[in-house]
Structure formats: C-alpha cells, structure tokens
Amino acid sequence: MKAIIPVAGIGIRLRPHTHTSPKALLDVAGKPILAHILDELVALGIDDVVLVVGHLGERIESFARARYGRLRLHFVAQDEPLGNGHAVYVAREHLDGSPALIIFGDTIVKGDLAGMLRSQKSLAGVTEVDDPRRLGVVELGPDGNIRRIIEKPQDPPTNLAVIGGYFLRNPVLLRAALERQVAENLQARGEFWLADALQLMIDAGETMGVFRVEHWYDCGTLEALLQANRELLDFDPPRVSSNQRSRIIPPSYVDPTADVGNSVIGPHASIGERARVMNSTISDSVVGPAAIVEDSRLEHSLIGEHAVVKGRSGRLNVAESGEGETV
C-alpha cells in the first residue's frame, strides 16, 4: 500500500512563516506537521510514500530524506497551484492497482487508521463540524455510503465534513476521474478540487463509505495550528524530563536539546530542538527549532525557526529568522 501526501500549498493563511518555510514543516506539539503524518504512516506499516511538492519543495525533500530515508520516497512537482485535485492528478501514475491512502499535508489524524485500511471499500474520513462551509461535506444515501461530496458549499446539506484523508480501494478509478476532470477543464473557483473528482468516481459506480474520525487537527491557519498544538498535547501528553532551572507546566513539550533556564513553560507550550529560552514565561505557544526567546512573556504565539525574541510581551507571530511583529 502507498500513501500520497499533497504538500505543495503556498500556505497564504500562515504567512509570514510560509514565506521561508513550507507549511508542512512548521512545528506543532513537538515536531513538524509532516512528521506527525509520516510517523502515523510508519506505524501503519506503509513504506511507499509520494510527496507532491511545490513551494519550497526542496526543503520538504531534504527533510523527508534525512529523517525518513528508510521509506520508499517519491517526489512529484506541482508546478502550478491549481488545486488539491490537480495535486493528486500530477501524481496519478502512482494511482495504480494497489490500494492507496491520500492525506492532505496540513491535516493530522489520530485514530484507528489501521481499521480504515482493512475496509473492503473506499472510504472518506469525516467528522461533524459546526460550520462546514470552508470544508468539503458529504451527503449519505440510505445505505450509509456517500451519495454526494461537495467542496466548500455555501448551503451545506449536512455538517459531516471531509477531513482530507481518503482510502482508495480502487485508485485507478480516481485516476480516470482526475484525467477526465483535467481534460474537460472541470474547475470550480479556478481550481481542480479532489472532491469533484471523487464525485465523478462515485457517479461512475464506485462505492465510497465514510470513516468517522474523532481526533482530527487542521493546521491551515495560525489559530488552527495553535489549537492543534493544544489538542495534540492534551491527547497524548509528552513526558518532560525534570528541569531544575525552570518550571514546566503540563501538558507541554520541551525538546531534550533545548536550553531552558529561569523560565515558566506551559501549559500548552512546545519548545523546539536547539531552542534557547531564558528568563521568560511561555504558554499556549509554539517556539520553533533554534529560536531564541529571552526576557519575554508570551502567550498564544508562534515563533519560527531561528527567530529571535527579546524583551517582548503578549501575542507574537515571528517568522523564521525574524524579530517579529505583535499581533
């Protein structure tokens, strides 16, 4: 079995961080988003992984090869940002006779994914949300299978949203649907949507059920990423070694290589590898690798890799190697 992970998105809603770092490499709850996804795949025994790259794709490839070199890794370039359906389309040669899993690169899923992969039919991961208008939604038929899948509907027929995870029992059928979508230029709002290709597949006779996901974490915006950080730390609280020089309030993550002194960390704080935090209080925040925070009091903040923050207070959004801006 193989997995296809689109990670080509520009990440406009996470600027300024995504000016210099791919969205999938931003830290959350102690490691990059992509590492959360790949670790789940490794646990499932999936060792054939296709990464669809675009913006800063060379950094994705460097990271994946360095940390996950034991996997069979394939890198496919999406040269134009024409939508998530197009991202899978450019990797269509990997939609062959073997079952496949598609996971969006800004989505972290925790749950019985092994049970999902045992299904004898294709499945879409779904969850109930309060406002599904910014997501895809599914409408089920009397048999419990998907009758319609609709991308970002203004008037959602249900609140059952797709979460960016799909198991394909017959991926060649999706390949045919994607090829038709592109050949006939079946775009919506200027993009090719995977939801529309899946609908073509369903209309052609493929049965697709749903797999309900309780623990799903969207990392597509600053607010969503910080919420994911909180919920992931709550879901699986990390064990933090005692620190005689600082107070660590759980649930928090402090990388063993971080240098933390005379500070209060937590709750819901993540301190990345090789970061340095001195004389500071940090809660509900993510401090990226090799960042420096001194004499500061931060909450609800995202501090990028190699960023430097000194003598600041409140909510900050500081990009990689930057000195930040108050938000």
C-alpha atoms as a PDB file:
ATOM      1  CA  MET A   1       0.000   0.000   0.000  1.00  0.00           C
ATOM      2  CA  LYS A   2       1.139   3.538  -0.693  1.00  0.00           C
ATOM      3  CA  ALA A   3       0.291   6.994   0.543  1.00  0.00           C
ATOM      4  CA  ILE A   4       0.032  10.222  -1.434  1.00  0.00           C
ATOM      5  CA  ILE A   5       0.550  13.449   0.513  1.00  0.00           C
ATOM      6  CA  PRO A   6       0.000  16.807  -1.231  1.00  0.00           C
ATOM      7  CA  VAL A   7       2.341  19.346   0.402  1.00  0.00           C
ATOM      8  CA  ALA A   8       2.595  21.865  -2.439  1.00  0.00           C
ATOM      9  CA  GLY A   9       0.369  24.557  -0.946  1.00  0.00           C
ATOM     10  CA  ILE A  10       1.768  28.058  -0.608  1.00  0.00           C
ATOM     11  CA  GLY A  11       0.184  28.469   2.845  1.00  0.00           C
ATOM     12  CA  ILE A  12      -1.061  32.021   2.403  1.00  0.00           C
ATOM     13  CA  ARG A  13      -3.019  31.912   5.675  1.00  0.00           C
ATOM     14  CA  LEU A  14       0.157  31.101   7.621  1.00  0.00           C
ATOM     15  CA  ARG A  15       2.246  33.992   6.376  1.00  0.00           C
ATOM     16  CA  PRO A  16       4.792  35.317   7.234  1.00  0.00           C
ATOM     17  CA  HIS A  17       6.053  31.845   8.229  1.00  0.00           C
ATOM     18  CA  THR A  18       5.401  30.310   4.833  1.00  0.00           C
ATOM     19  CA  HIS A  19       7.453  32.942   3.020  1.00  0.00           C
ATOM     20  CA  THR A  20      10.525  30.995   4.128  1.00  0.00           C
ATOM     21  CA  SER A  21       9.247  27.585   5.284  1.00  0.00           C
ATOM     22  CA  PRO A  22       6.785  25.105   3.758  1.00  0.00           C
ATOM     23  CA  LYS A  23       3.582  24.857   5.766  1.00  0.00           C
ATOM     24  CA  ALA A  24       4.143  21.135   6.312  1.00  0.00           C
ATOM     25  CA  LEU A  25       7.425  21.808   8.123  1.00  0.00           C
ATOM     26  CA  LEU A  26       6.003  24.151  10.762  1.00  0.00           C
ATOM     27  CA  ASP A  27       6.258  22.676  14.254  1.00  0.00           C
ATOM     28  CA  VAL A  28       3.230  21.638  16.275  1.00  0.00           C
ATOM     29  CA  ALA A  29       3.297  19.683  19.545  1.00  0.00           C
ATOM     30  CA  GLY A  30       6.989  18.951  19.291  1.00  0.00           C
ATOM     31  CA  LYS A  31       7.597  18.144  15.634  1.00  0.00           C
ATOM     32  CA  PRO A  32       6.740  19.302  12.105  1.00  0.00           C
ATOM     33  CA  ILE A  33       3.249  18.690  10.752  1.00  0.00           C
ATOM     34  CA  LEU A  34       4.699  16.368   8.120  1.00  0.00           C
ATOM     35  CA  ALA A  35       6.498  14.332  10.790  1.00  0.00           C
ATOM     36  CA  HIS A  36       3.180  13.712  12.570  1.00  0.00           C
ATOM     37  CA  ILE A  37       1.741  12.400   9.286  1.00  0.00           C
ATOM     38  CA  LEU A  38       4.726  10.261   8.333  1.00  0.00           C
ATOM     39  CA  ASP A  39       5.036   8.788  11.824  1.00  0.00           C
ATOM     40  CA  GLU A  40       1.404   7.647  11.580  1.00  0.00           C
ATOM     41  CA  LEU A  41       2.120   6.023   8.211  1.00  0.00           C
ATOM     42  CA  VAL A  42       5.197   4.252   9.555  1.00  0.00           C
ATOM     43  CA  ALA A  43       3.110   2.912  12.451  1.00  0.00           C
ATOM     44  CA  LEU A  44       0.640   1.539   9.890  1.00  0.00           C
ATOM     45  CA  GLY A  45       3.404  -0.244   8.017  1.00  0.00           C
ATOM     46  CA  ILE A  46       3.096   1.981   4.929  1.00  0.00           C
ATOM     47  CA  ASP A  47       6.565   2.415   3.458  1.00  0.00           C
ATOM     48  CA  ASP A  48       5.795   3.728  -0.052  1.00  0.00           C
ATOM     49  CA  VAL A  49       5.132   7.469   0.131  1.00  0.00           C
ATOM     50  CA  VAL A  50       4.529  10.016  -2.636  1.00  0.00           C
ATOM     51  CA  LEU A  51       5.000  13.670  -1.697  1.00  0.00           C
ATOM     52  CA  VAL A  52       3.546  16.246  -4.101  1.00  0.00           C
ATOM     53  CA  VAL A  53       5.747  19.310  -3.658  1.00  0.00           C
ATOM     54  CA  GLY A  54       5.687  22.870  -4.908  1.00  0.00           C
ATOM     55  CA  HIS A  55       6.579  25.990  -2.917  1.00  0.00           C
ATOM     56  CA  LEU A  56       9.972  25.366  -1.228  1.00  0.00           C
ATOM     57  CA  GLY A  57       9.724  21.737  -2.225  1.00  0.00           C
ATOM     58  CA  GLU A  58      13.466  21.207  -1.915  1.00  0.00           C
ATOM     59  CA  ARG A  59      13.144  21.709   1.849  1.00  0.00           C
ATOM     60  CA  ILE A  60      10.403  19.089   2.036  1.00  0.00           C
ATOM     61  CA  GLU A  61      12.585  16.642   0.120  1.00  0.00           C
ATOM     62  CA  SER A  62      15.652  17.359   2.253  1.00  0.00           C
ATOM     63  CA  PHE A  63      13.686  16.855   5.482  1.00  0.00           C
ATOM     64  CA  ALA A  64      11.984  13.654   4.341  1.00  0.00           C
ATOM     65  CA  ARG A  65      15.167  12.047   3.032  1.00  0.00           C
ATOM     66  CA  ALA A  66      17.106  12.949   6.179  1.00  0.00           C
ATOM     67  CA  ARG A  67      14.527  11.729   8.704  1.00  0.00           C
ATOM     68  CA  TYR A  68      12.602   9.089   6.736  1.00  0.00           C
ATOM     69  CA  GLY A  69      15.213   7.728   4.372  1.00  0.00           C
ATOM     70  CA  ARG A  70      14.140   4.166   5.149  1.00  0.00           C
ATOM     71  CA  LEU A  71      10.869   4.784   3.311  1.00  0.00           C
ATOM     72  CA  ARG A  72      10.462   4.485  -0.438  1.00  0.00           C
ATOM     73  CA  LEU A  73      10.036   8.173  -1.152  1.00  0.00           C
ATOM     74  CA  HIS A  74       8.819   9.696  -4.413  1.00  0.00           C
ATOM     75  CA  PHE A  75       8.670  13.432  -5.106  1.00  0.00           C
ATOM     76  CA  VAL A  76       6.347  14.866  -7.744  1.00  0.00           C
ATOM     77  CA  ALA A  77       6.283  18.573  -8.565  1.00  0.00           C
ATOM     78  CA  GLN A  78       3.064  20.545  -8.887  1.00  0.00           C
ATOM     79  CA  ASP A  79       4.389  23.489 -10.862  1.00  0.00           C
ATOM     80  CA  GLU A  80       1.144  25.488 -10.797  1.00  0.00           C
ATOM     81  CA  PRO A  81      -1.127  25.876  -7.752  1.00  0.00           C
ATOM     82  CA  LEU A  82      -4.265  24.607  -9.481  1.00  0.00           C
ATOM     83  CA  GLY A  83      -5.965  22.978  -6.514  1.00  0.00           C
ATOM     84  CA  ASN A  84      -5.807  19.837  -4.395  1.00  0.00           C
ATOM     85  CA  GLY A  85      -7.347  17.729  -7.157  1.00  0.00           C
ATOM     86  CA  HIS A  86      -4.611  18.846  -9.520  1.00  0.00           C
ATOM     87  CA  ALA A  87      -2.017  17.984  -6.853  1.00  0.00           C
ATOM     88  CA  VAL A  88      -3.199  14.376  -6.880  1.00  0.00           C
ATOM     89  CA  TYR A  89      -3.513  14.461 -10.679  1.00  0.00           C
ATOM     90  CA  VAL A  90       0.191  15.207 -11.158  1.00  0.00           C
ATOM     91  CA  ALA A  91       0.921  12.080  -9.066  1.00  0.00           C
ATOM     92  CA  ARG A  92      -1.589   9.983 -10.992  1.00  0.00           C
ATOM     93  CA  GLU A  93       0.984   7.443 -12.201  1.00  0.00           C
ATOM     94  CA  HIS A  94       1.112   6.241  -8.589  1.00  0.00           C
ATOM     95  CA  LEU A  95      -2.647   5.566  -8.619  1.00  0.00           C
ATOM     96  CA  ASP A  96      -2.176   2.034  -9.888  1.00  0.00           C
ATOM     97  CA  GLY A  97      -3.661  -1.324  -8.933  1.00  0.00           C
ATOM     98  CA  SER A  98      -2.705  -1.297  -5.245  1.00  0.00           C
ATOM     99  CA  PRO A  99      -4.843   0.439  -2.575  1.00  0.00           C
ATOM    100  CA  ALA A 100      -3.767   3.959  -1.673  1.00  0.00           C
ATOM    101  CA  LEU A 101      -4.192   6.446   1.132  1.00  0.00           C
ATOM    102  CA  ILE A 102      -4.416  10.192   0.445  1.00  0.00           C
ATOM    103  CA  ILE A 103      -3.644  12.528   3.355  1.00  0.00           C
ATOM    104  CA  PHE A 104      -3.518  16.304   2.942  1.00  0.00           C
ATOM    105  CA  GLY A 105      -0.258  17.797   4.189  1.00  0.00           C
ATOM    106  CA  ASP A 106      -1.872  20.189   6.692  1.00  0.00           C
ATOM    107  CA  THR A 107      -4.032  17.511   8.330  1.00  0.00           C
ATOM    108  CA  ILE A 108      -3.080  15.378  11.332  1.00  0.00           C
ATOM    109  CA  VAL A 109      -5.327  12.401  12.035  1.00  0.00           C
ATOM    110  CA  LYS A 110      -5.227  10.261  15.171  1.00  0.00           C
ATOM    111  CA  GLY A 111      -7.377   7.170  15.477  1.00  0.00           C
ATOM    112  CA  ASP A 112      -7.899   3.647  14.250  1.00  0.00           C
ATOM    113  CA  LEU A 113      -6.415   4.196  10.811  1.00  0.00           C
ATOM    114  CA  ALA A 114      -5.473   0.519  10.726  1.00  0.00           C
ATOM    115  CA  GLY A 115      -9.192  -0.267  10.800  1.00  0.00           C
ATOM    116  CA  MET A 116      -9.749   2.117   7.910  1.00  0.00           C
ATOM    117  CA  LEU A 117      -7.160   0.277   5.821  1.00  0.00           C
ATOM    118  CA  ARG A 118      -8.884  -3.071   6.416  1.00  0.00           C
ATOM    119  CA  SER A 119     -12.023  -1.856   4.654  1.00  0.00           C
ATOM    120  CA  GLN A 120     -13.163  -3.704   1.548  1.00  0.00           C
ATOM    121  CA  LYS A 121     -14.444  -0.465   0.030  1.00  0.00           C
ATOM    122  CA  SER A 122     -13.132   3.052  -0.442  1.00  0.00           C
ATOM    123  CA  LEU A 123     -13.616   5.435   2.473  1.00  0.00           C
ATOM    124  CA  ALA A 124     -13.530   9.161   3.183  1.00  0.00           C
ATOM    125  CA  GLY A 125     -12.521  10.336   6.652  1.00  0.00           C
ATOM    126  CA  VAL A 126     -15.275  12.540   8.057  1.00  0.00           C
ATOM    127  CA  THR A 127     -16.201  14.373  11.216  1.00  0.00           C
ATOM    128  CA  GLU A 128     -19.100  16.563  12.343  1.00  0.00           C
ATOM    129  CA  VAL A 129     -18.305  20.286  12.496  1.00  0.00           C
ATOM    130  CA  ASP A 130     -20.272  23.364  13.477  1.00  0.00           C
ATOM    131  CA  ASP A 131     -19.566  25.277  10.255  1.00  0.00           C
ATOM    132  CA  PRO A 132     -18.669  23.071   7.269  1.00  0.00           C
ATOM    133  CA  ARG A 133     -18.758  25.862   4.670  1.00  0.00           C
ATOM    134  CA  ARG A 134     -14.963  26.145   4.459  1.00  0.00           C
ATOM    135  CA  LEU A 135     -14.573  22.370   4.039  1.00  0.00           C
ATOM    136  CA  GLY A 136     -15.923  19.637   1.833  1.00  0.00           C
ATOM    137  CA  VAL A 137     -19.068  17.909   3.068  1.00  0.00           C
ATOM    138  CA  VAL A 138     -20.694  14.582   2.298  1.00  0.00           C
ATOM    139  CA  GLU A 139     -24.320  13.623   1.897  1.00  0.00           C
ATOM    140  CA  LEU A 140     -25.041   9.976   2.594  1.00  0.00           C
ATOM    141  CA  GLY A 141     -27.514   7.694   0.882  1.00  0.00           C
ATOM    142  CA  PRO A 142     -29.874   5.259   2.645  1.00  0.00           C
ATOM    143  CA  ASP A 143     -27.139   2.597   2.580  1.00  0.00           C
ATOM    144  CA  GLY A 144     -24.741   4.816   4.545  1.00  0.00           C
ATOM    145  CA  ASN A 145     -22.428   5.335   1.592  1.00  0.00           C
ATOM    146  CA  ILE A 146     -21.594   8.704   0.063  1.00  0.00           C
ATOM    147  CA  ARG A 147     -24.117   9.972  -2.454  1.00  0.00           C
ATOM    148  CA  ARG A 148     -22.660  13.443  -2.861  1.00  0.00           C
ATOM    149  CA  ILE A 149     -19.394  15.105  -1.879  1.00  0.00           C
ATOM    150  CA  ILE A 150     -19.355  18.900  -2.189  1.00  0.00           C
ATOM    151  CA  GLU A 151     -16.397  21.264  -1.807  1.00  0.00           C
ATOM    152  CA  LYS A 152     -16.993  24.381   0.315  1.00  0.00           C
ATOM    153  CA  PRO A 153     -20.783  24.607  -0.140  1.00  0.00           C
ATOM    154  CA  GLN A 154     -22.444  27.899   0.740  1.00  0.00           C
ATOM    155  CA  ASP A 155     -25.542  25.992   1.884  1.00  0.00           C
ATOM    156  CA  PRO A 156     -24.229  22.687   3.303  1.00  0.00           C
ATOM    157  CA  PRO A 157     -26.741  19.833   3.135  1.00  0.00           C
ATOM    158  CA  THR A 158     -25.098  18.235   6.204  1.00  0.00           C
ATOM    159  CA  ASN A 159     -22.471  19.073   8.823  1.00  0.00           C
ATOM    160  CA  LEU A 160     -20.457  15.938   8.024  1.00  0.00           C
ATOM    161  CA  ALA A 161     -17.157  17.337   6.757  1.00  0.00           C
ATOM    162  CA  VAL A 162     -14.356  15.518   4.968  1.00  0.00           C
ATOM    163  CA  ILE A 163     -11.045  15.980   6.763  1.00  0.00           C
ATOM    164  CA  GLY A 164      -8.520  15.444   3.975  1.00  0.00           C
ATOM    165  CA  GLY A 165      -7.986  11.724   4.421  1.00  0.00           C
ATOM    166  CA  TYR A 166      -9.158   9.123   1.872  1.00  0.00           C
ATOM    167  CA  PHE A 167      -8.638   5.388   1.486  1.00  0.00           C
ATOM    168  CA  LEU A 168      -8.957   4.184  -2.113  1.00  0.00           C
ATOM    169  CA  ARG A 169      -9.617   0.514  -2.684  1.00  0.00           C
ATOM    170  CA  ASN A 170      -9.578   1.046  -6.479  1.00  0.00           C
ATOM    171  CA  PRO A 171      -7.294   4.050  -7.116  1.00  0.00           C
ATOM    172  CA  VAL A 172      -7.293   3.540 -10.909  1.00  0.00           C
ATOM    173  CA  LEU A 173     -10.896   4.769 -10.851  1.00  0.00           C
ATOM    174  CA  LEU A 174      -9.817   8.012  -9.220  1.00  0.00           C
ATOM    175  CA  ARG A 175      -7.040   8.349 -11.784  1.00  0.00           C
ATOM    176  CA  ALA A 176      -9.593   8.093 -14.591  1.00  0.00           C
ATOM    177  CA  ALA A 177     -11.796  10.687 -12.869  1.00  0.00           C
ATOM    178  CA  LEU A 178      -8.866  13.101 -12.425  1.00  0.00           C
ATOM    179  CA  GLU A 179      -7.829  12.707 -16.058  1.00  0.00           C
ATOM    180  CA  ARG A 180     -11.376  13.463 -17.177  1.00  0.00           C
ATOM    181  CA  GLN A 181     -11.546  16.450 -14.826  1.00  0.00           C
ATOM    182  CA  VAL A 182      -8.416  17.995 -16.300  1.00  0.00           C
ATOM    183  CA  ALA A 183      -9.160  17.027 -19.923  1.00  0.00           C
ATOM    184  CA  GLU A 184     -12.618  18.638 -19.706  1.00  0.00           C
ATOM    185  CA  ASN A 185     -11.330  21.548 -17.588  1.00  0.00           C
ATOM    186  CA  LEU A 186     -13.868  20.857 -14.838  1.00  0.00           C
ATOM    187  CA  GLN A 187     -12.793  23.609 -12.463  1.00  0.00           C
ATOM    188  CA  ALA A 188     -14.626  25.409  -9.700  1.00  0.00           C
ATOM    189  CA  ARG A 189     -13.499  28.825  -8.492  1.00  0.00           C
ATOM    190  CA  GLY A 190     -10.413  28.496 -10.693  1.00  0.00           C
ATOM    191  CA  GLU A 191      -9.182  25.222  -9.222  1.00  0.00           C
ATOM    192  CA  PHE A 192      -9.470  21.477  -9.675  1.00  0.00           C
ATOM    193  CA  TRP A 193     -10.944  20.053  -6.470  1.00  0.00           C
ATOM    194  CA  LEU A 194     -10.348  16.488  -5.333  1.00  0.00           C
ATOM    195  CA  ALA A 195     -13.919  16.400  -4.024  1.00  0.00           C
ATOM    196  CA  ASP A 196     -15.229  16.907  -7.567  1.00  0.00           C
ATOM    197  CA  ALA A 197     -13.036  14.096  -8.918  1.00  0.00           C
ATOM    198  CA  LEU A 198     -14.270  11.803  -6.155  1.00  0.00           C
ATOM    199  CA  GLN A 199     -17.833  12.690  -7.137  1.00  0.00           C
ATOM    200  CA  LEU A 200     -17.071  11.684 -10.737  1.00  0.00           C
ATOM    201  CA  MET A 201     -15.717   8.398  -9.399  1.00  0.00           C
ATOM    202  CA  ILE A 202     -18.837   7.797  -7.320  1.00  0.00           C
ATOM    203  CA  ASP A 203     -21.097   8.689 -10.251  1.00  0.00           C
ATOM    204  CA  ALA A 204     -19.202   6.106 -12.326  1.00  0.00           C
ATOM    205  CA  GLY A 205     -20.222   3.414  -9.863  1.00  0.00           C
ATOM    206  CA  GLU A 206     -17.529   3.313  -7.172  1.00  0.00           C
ATOM    207  CA  THR A 207     -18.861   2.712  -3.653  1.00  0.00           C
ATOM    208  CA  MET A 208     -17.338   5.045  -1.073  1.00  0.00           C
ATOM    209  CA  GLY A 209     -18.243   4.834   2.585  1.00  0.00           C
ATOM    210  CA  VAL A 210     -17.239   7.050   5.478  1.00  0.00           C
ATOM    211  CA  PHE A 211     -14.764   6.581   8.287  1.00  0.00           C
ATOM    212  CA  ARG A 212     -15.626   8.732  11.277  1.00  0.00           C
ATOM    213  CA  VAL A 213     -12.627  10.476  12.824  1.00  0.00           C
ATOM    214  CA  GLU A 214     -12.797  11.842  16.361  1.00  0.00           C
ATOM    215  CA  HIS A 215      -9.290  13.264  16.579  1.00  0.00           C
ATOM    216  CA  TRP A 216      -8.538  15.462  13.597  1.00  0.00           C
ATOM    217  CA  TYR A 217      -6.286  18.502  13.616  1.00  0.00           C
ATOM    218  CA  ASP A 218      -6.322  21.151  10.909  1.00  0.00           C
ATOM    219  CA  CYS A 219      -3.112  23.216  10.778  1.00  0.00           C
ATOM    220  CA  GLY A 220      -4.000  25.574   7.934  1.00  0.00           C
ATOM    221  CA  THR A 221      -4.108  28.882   9.844  1.00  0.00           C
ATOM    222  CA  LEU A 222      -2.324  30.423  12.817  1.00  0.00           C
ATOM    223  CA  GLU A 223      -5.358  29.912  15.058  1.00  0.00           C
ATOM    224  CA  ALA A 224      -5.866  26.348  13.818  1.00  0.00           C
ATOM    225  CA  LEU A 225      -2.207  25.453  14.301  1.00  0.00           C
ATOM    226  CA  LEU A 226      -2.186  26.719  17.891  1.00  0.00           C
ATOM    227  CA  GLN A 227      -5.442  24.885  18.574  1.00  0.00           C
ATOM    228  CA  ALA A 228      -3.895  21.714  17.112  1.00  0.00           C
ATOM    229  CA  ASN A 229      -0.905  22.224  19.397  1.00  0.00           C
ATOM    230  CA  ARG A 230      -3.195  22.417  22.433  1.00  0.00           C
ATOM    231  CA  GLU A 231      -5.300  19.431  21.462  1.00  0.00           C
ATOM    232  CA  LEU A 232      -2.381  17.201  20.487  1.00  0.00           C
ATOM    233  CA  LEU A 233      -0.665  17.930  23.808  1.00  0.00           C
ATOM    234  CA  ASP A 234      -3.927  17.104  25.609  1.00  0.00           C
ATOM    235  CA  PHE A 235      -4.462  13.949  23.531  1.00  0.00           C
ATOM    236  CA  ASP A 236      -1.014  12.489  24.168  1.00  0.00           C
ATOM    237  CA  PRO A 237       0.770  14.465  26.909  1.00  0.00           C
ATOM    238  CA  PRO A 238       4.532  14.161  26.422  1.00  0.00           C
ATOM    239  CA  ARG A 239       6.814  13.151  29.245  1.00  0.00           C
ATOM    240  CA  VAL A 240       9.138  16.026  30.003  1.00  0.00           C
ATOM    241  CA  SER A 241      12.327  15.436  31.965  1.00  0.00           C
ATOM    242  CA  SER A 242      12.648  17.470  35.130  1.00  0.00           C
ATOM    243  CA  ASN A 243      14.304  20.838  34.792  1.00  0.00           C
ATOM    244  CA  GLN A 244      15.885  22.241  37.941  1.00  0.00           C
ATOM    245  CA  ARG A 245      16.293  25.632  36.293  1.00  0.00           C
ATOM    246  CA  SER A 246      12.676  26.162  35.188  1.00  0.00           C
ATOM    247  CA  ARG A 247       9.067  25.224  35.886  1.00  0.00           C
ATOM    248  CA  ILE A 248       7.370  23.104  33.224  1.00  0.00           C
ATOM    249  CA  ILE A 249       3.546  23.100  33.454  1.00  0.00           C
ATOM    250  CA  PRO A 250       1.949  20.138  31.649  1.00  0.00           C
ATOM    251  CA  PRO A 251       0.875  19.409  29.079  1.00  0.00           C
ATOM    252  CA  SER A 252       3.903  20.901  27.384  1.00  0.00           C
ATOM    253  CA  TYR A 253       6.745  19.706  25.177  1.00  0.00           C
ATOM    254  CA  VAL A 254      10.356  20.732  25.664  1.00  0.00           C
ATOM    255  CA  ASP A 255      12.830  19.149  23.295  1.00  0.00           C
ATOM    256  CA  PRO A 256      15.746  17.462  25.090  1.00  0.00           C
ATOM    257  CA  THR A 257      18.185  19.608  23.101  1.00  0.00           C
ATOM    258  CA  ALA A 258      16.521  22.899  24.104  1.00  0.00           C
ATOM    259  CA  ASP A 259      18.224  25.166  26.629  1.00  0.00           C
ATOM    260  CA  VAL A 260      15.599  26.469  29.056  1.00  0.00           C
ATOM    261  CA  GLY A 261      16.544  28.442  32.141  1.00  0.00           C
ATOM    262  CA  ASN A 262      14.818  30.549  34.810  1.00  0.00           C
ATOM    263  CA  SER A 263      11.527  30.292  32.924  1.00  0.00           C
ATOM    264  CA  VAL A 264       7.963  29.050  33.216  1.00  0.00           C
ATOM    265  CA  ILE A 265       6.876  26.880  30.301  1.00  0.00           C
ATOM    266  CA  GLY A 266       3.239  25.923  29.802  1.00  0.00           C
ATOM    267  CA  PRO A 267       0.607  24.911  29.812  1.00  0.00           C
ATOM    268  CA  HIS A 268       0.274  24.026  26.119  1.00  0.00           C
ATOM    269  CA  ALA A 269       3.729  25.215  25.128  1.00  0.00           C
ATOM    270  CA  SER A 270       6.040  23.471  22.654  1.00  0.00           C
ATOM    271  CA  ILE A 271       9.740  24.304  22.643  1.00  0.00           C
ATOM    272  CA  GLY A 272      11.622  23.009  19.590  1.00  0.00           C
ATOM    273  CA  GLU A 273      15.004  21.373  19.256  1.00  0.00           C
ATOM    274  CA  ARG A 274      18.050  23.557  19.986  1.00  0.00           C
ATOM    275  CA  ALA A 275      15.801  26.436  21.061  1.00  0.00           C
ATOM    276  CA  ARG A 276      17.007  28.741  23.845  1.00  0.00           C
ATOM    277  CA  VAL A 277      14.532  30.188  26.348  1.00  0.00           C
ATOM    278  CA  MET A 278      15.808  32.337  29.224  1.00  0.00           C
ATOM    279  CA  ASN A 279      14.064  34.434  31.881  1.00  0.00           C
ATOM    280  CA  SER A 280      10.711  34.028  30.134  1.00  0.00           C
ATOM    281  CA  THR A 281       7.157  32.793  30.574  1.00  0.00           C
ATOM    282  CA  ILE A 282       5.612  30.984  27.617  1.00  0.00           C
ATOM    283  CA  SER A 283       2.124  29.457  27.418  1.00  0.00           C
ATOM    284  CA  ASP A 284      -0.209  28.319  24.635  1.00  0.00           C
ATOM    285  CA  SER A 285       2.582  28.833  22.113  1.00  0.00           C
ATOM    286  CA  VAL A 286       4.977  27.111  19.731  1.00  0.00           C
ATOM    287  CA  VAL A 287       8.655  28.043  19.740  1.00  0.00           C
ATOM    288  CA  GLY A 288      10.393  26.633  16.680  1.00  0.00           C
ATOM    289  CA  PRO A 289      13.805  24.956  16.352  1.00  0.00           C
ATOM    290  CA  ALA A 290      16.856  27.050  17.192  1.00  0.00           C
ATOM    291  CA  ALA A 291      14.701  30.058  18.138  1.00  0.00           C
ATOM    292  CA  ILE A 292      15.838  32.372  20.943  1.00  0.00           C
ATOM    293  CA  VAL A 293      13.410  33.835  23.484  1.00  0.00           C
ATOM    294  CA  GLU A 294      14.790  35.974  26.299  1.00  0.00           C
ATOM    295  CA  ASP A 295      13.226  38.245  28.935  1.00  0.00           C
ATOM    296  CA  SER A 296       9.778  37.807  27.406  1.00  0.00           C
ATOM    297  CA  ARG A 297       6.268  36.859  28.417  1.00  0.00           C
ATOM    298  CA  LEU A 298       4.476  35.162  25.523  1.00  0.00           C
ATOM    299  CA  GLU A 299       1.056  33.634  25.075  1.00  0.00           C
ATOM    300  CA  HIS A 300      -0.832  32.426  22.022  1.00  0.00           C
ATOM    301  CA  SER A 301       2.285  32.950  19.925  1.00  0.00           C
ATOM    302  CA  LEU A 302       4.060  31.254  17.037  1.00  0.00           C
ATOM    303  CA  ILE A 303       7.830  31.759  16.974  1.00  0.00           C
ATOM    304  CA  GLY A 304       9.564  30.487  13.856  1.00  0.00           C
ATOM    305  CA  GLU A 305      12.817  28.608  13.412  1.00  0.00           C
ATOM    306  CA  HIS A 306      15.920  30.709  14.214  1.00  0.00           C
ATOM    307  CA  ALA A 307      13.717  33.663  15.216  1.00  0.00           C
ATOM    308  CA  VAL A 308      14.942  35.984  17.975  1.00  0.00           C
ATOM    309  CA  VAL A 309      12.563  37.468  20.557  1.00  0.00           C
ATOM    310  CA  LYS A 310      13.926  39.616  23.379  1.00  0.00           C
ATOM    311  CA  GLY A 311      12.065  41.750  25.872  1.00  0.00           C
ATOM    312  CA  ARG A 312       8.638  41.252  24.297  1.00  0.00           C
ATOM    313  CA  SER A 313       5.231  40.616  25.843  1.00  0.00           C
ATOM    314  CA  GLY A 314       1.844  39.411  24.620  1.00  0.00           C
ATOM    315  CA  ARG A 315       0.933  37.612  21.398  1.00  0.00           C
ATOM    316  CA  LEU A 316       3.622  37.397  18.757  1.00  0.00           C
ATOM    317  CA  ASN A 317       3.816  35.964  15.264  1.00  0.00           C
ATOM    318  CA  VAL A 318       7.505  35.794  14.353  1.00  0.00           C
ATOM    319  CA  ALA A 319       8.657  34.222  11.106  1.00  0.00           C
ATOM    320  CA  GLU A 320      11.823  32.207  10.584  1.00  0.00           C
ATOM    321  CA  SER A 321      14.984  34.193  11.371  1.00  0.00           C
ATOM    322  CA  GLY A 322      12.847  37.265  12.093  1.00  0.00           C
ATOM    323  CA  GLU A 323      12.341  39.558  15.036  1.00  0.00           C
ATOM    324  CA  GLY A 324       8.601  39.522  14.721  1.00  0.00           C
ATOM    325  CA  GLU A 325       5.543  41.599  14.933  1.00  0.00           C
ATOM    326  CA  THR A 326       2.971  41.960  17.661  1.00  0.00           C
ATOM    327  CA  VAL A 327      -0.465  40.503  16.761  1.00  0.00           C
END
